[in-house]
Amino acid sequence: QGANFEGASFQDAVADRVVFNGANLKNARFNNAVLIGATFEGADLTNVDFSDSYIEQFAVKPLCENPTLKGTNPTTGAD
């Protein structure tokens, strides 16, 4: 919790029950990642790329409600 992962690549990762709560994930990339039970409460998701990621159905709503989930990833160009 509260870790700094700014610009990190989690491409092709399997994040099983990882708690990203309060983390700085600005400009991070989760391309093709499997996010099972991962939580992002209070995380900075500015410019994060979740392209082709598997996110459990019940986790999508809380993720989309994060006000920082916006912007374009500077590495991948995904919005």
Protein backbone atom coordinates (compact mmCIF):
# COMPACT_ATOMS: atom_id res chain seq x y z
CA GLN A 1 0.00 0.00 0.00
CA GLY A 2 1.18 3.48 -0.88
CA ALA A 3 4.04 2.23 -3.07
CA ASN A 4 5.51 4.21 -5.96
CA PHE A 5 5.13 2.33 -9.26
CA GLU A 6 5.15 5.39 -11.52
CA GLY A 7 5.91 4.31 -15.10
CA ALA A 8 6.20 0.62 -14.14
CA SER A 9 5.46 -2.15 -16.61
CA PHE A 10 3.20 -4.98 -15.45
CA GLN A 11 2.81 -6.23 -19.03
CA ASP A 12 1.80 -9.92 -19.17
CA ALA A 13 1.82 -10.06 -15.35
CA VAL A 14 -0.45 -12.18 -13.20
CA ALA A 15 -1.45 -10.00 -10.25
CA ASP A 16 -3.37 -12.38 -8.00
CA ARG A 17 -4.90 -10.52 -5.02
CA VAL A 18 -2.33 -7.71 -5.20
CA VAL A 19 -3.25 -4.65 -3.14
CA PHE A 20 -2.35 -1.50 -5.06
CA ASN A 21 -4.37 0.68 -2.65
CA GLY A 22 -2.95 4.19 -2.37
CA ALA A 23 -0.13 3.41 -4.81
CA ASN A 24 1.24 5.84 -7.36
CA LEU A 25 0.68 4.03 -10.67
CA LYS A 26 0.85 7.10 -12.90
CA ASN A 27 1.90 6.10 -16.46
CA ALA A 28 2.04 2.38 -15.53
CA ARG A 29 1.25 -0.33 -18.08
CA PHE A 30 -0.89 -3.40 -17.37
CA ASN A 31 -1.09 -4.56 -21.00
CA ASN A 32 -2.33 -8.14 -21.27
CA ALA A 33 -2.15 -8.53 -17.48
CA VAL A 34 -4.39 -10.83 -15.46
CA LEU A 35 -5.74 -8.89 -12.46
CA ILE A 36 -7.60 -11.33 -10.22
CA GLY A 37 -8.68 -9.90 -6.88
CA ALA A 38 -6.38 -6.89 -7.31
CA THR A 39 -7.56 -3.68 -5.63
CA PHE A 40 -6.76 -0.09 -6.57
CA GLU A 41 -8.61 1.96 -3.90
CA GLY A 42 -7.14 5.45 -3.66
CA ALA A 43 -4.42 4.65 -6.22
CA ASP A 44 -3.28 7.28 -8.73
CA LEU A 45 -4.27 5.74 -12.08
CA THR A 46 -3.46 8.77 -14.24
CA ASN A 47 -2.46 7.64 -17.76
CA VAL A 48 -2.50 3.92 -16.81
CA ASP A 49 -2.90 1.51 -19.74
CA PHE A 50 -5.10 -1.54 -19.04
CA SER A 51 -5.27 -2.61 -22.73
CA ASP A 52 -6.19 -6.28 -23.18
CA SER A 53 -6.09 -6.91 -19.42
CA TYR A 54 -8.37 -9.43 -17.74
CA ILE A 55 -10.18 -7.72 -14.87
CA GLU A 56 -12.82 -9.62 -12.90
CA GLN A 57 -16.37 -8.38 -13.46
CA PHE A 58 -16.91 -7.29 -9.84
CA ALA A 59 -13.65 -5.28 -9.88
CA VAL A 60 -14.47 -3.21 -12.97
CA LYS A 61 -16.94 -0.82 -11.31
CA PRO A 62 -14.67 0.20 -8.39
CA LEU A 63 -11.79 0.61 -10.82
CA CYS A 64 -13.83 2.82 -13.16
CA GLU A 65 -15.06 4.92 -10.23
CA ASN A 66 -11.49 6.02 -9.45
CA PRO A 67 -11.43 9.72 -10.45
CA THR A 68 -7.78 9.51 -11.55
CA LEU A 69 -8.49 6.82 -14.21
CA LYS A 70 -8.03 9.15 -17.17
CA GLY A 71 -5.45 10.34 -19.65
CA THR A 72 -3.21 8.88 -22.31
CA ASN A 73 -0.29 6.61 -21.50
CA PRO A 74 2.86 8.35 -22.79
CA THR A 75 4.57 5.07 -23.72
CA THR A 76 1.75 3.17 -25.44
CA GLY A 77 -0.52 6.07 -26.51
CA ALA A 78 -3.58 4.25 -25.10
CA ASP A 79 -6.32 6.32 -23.46
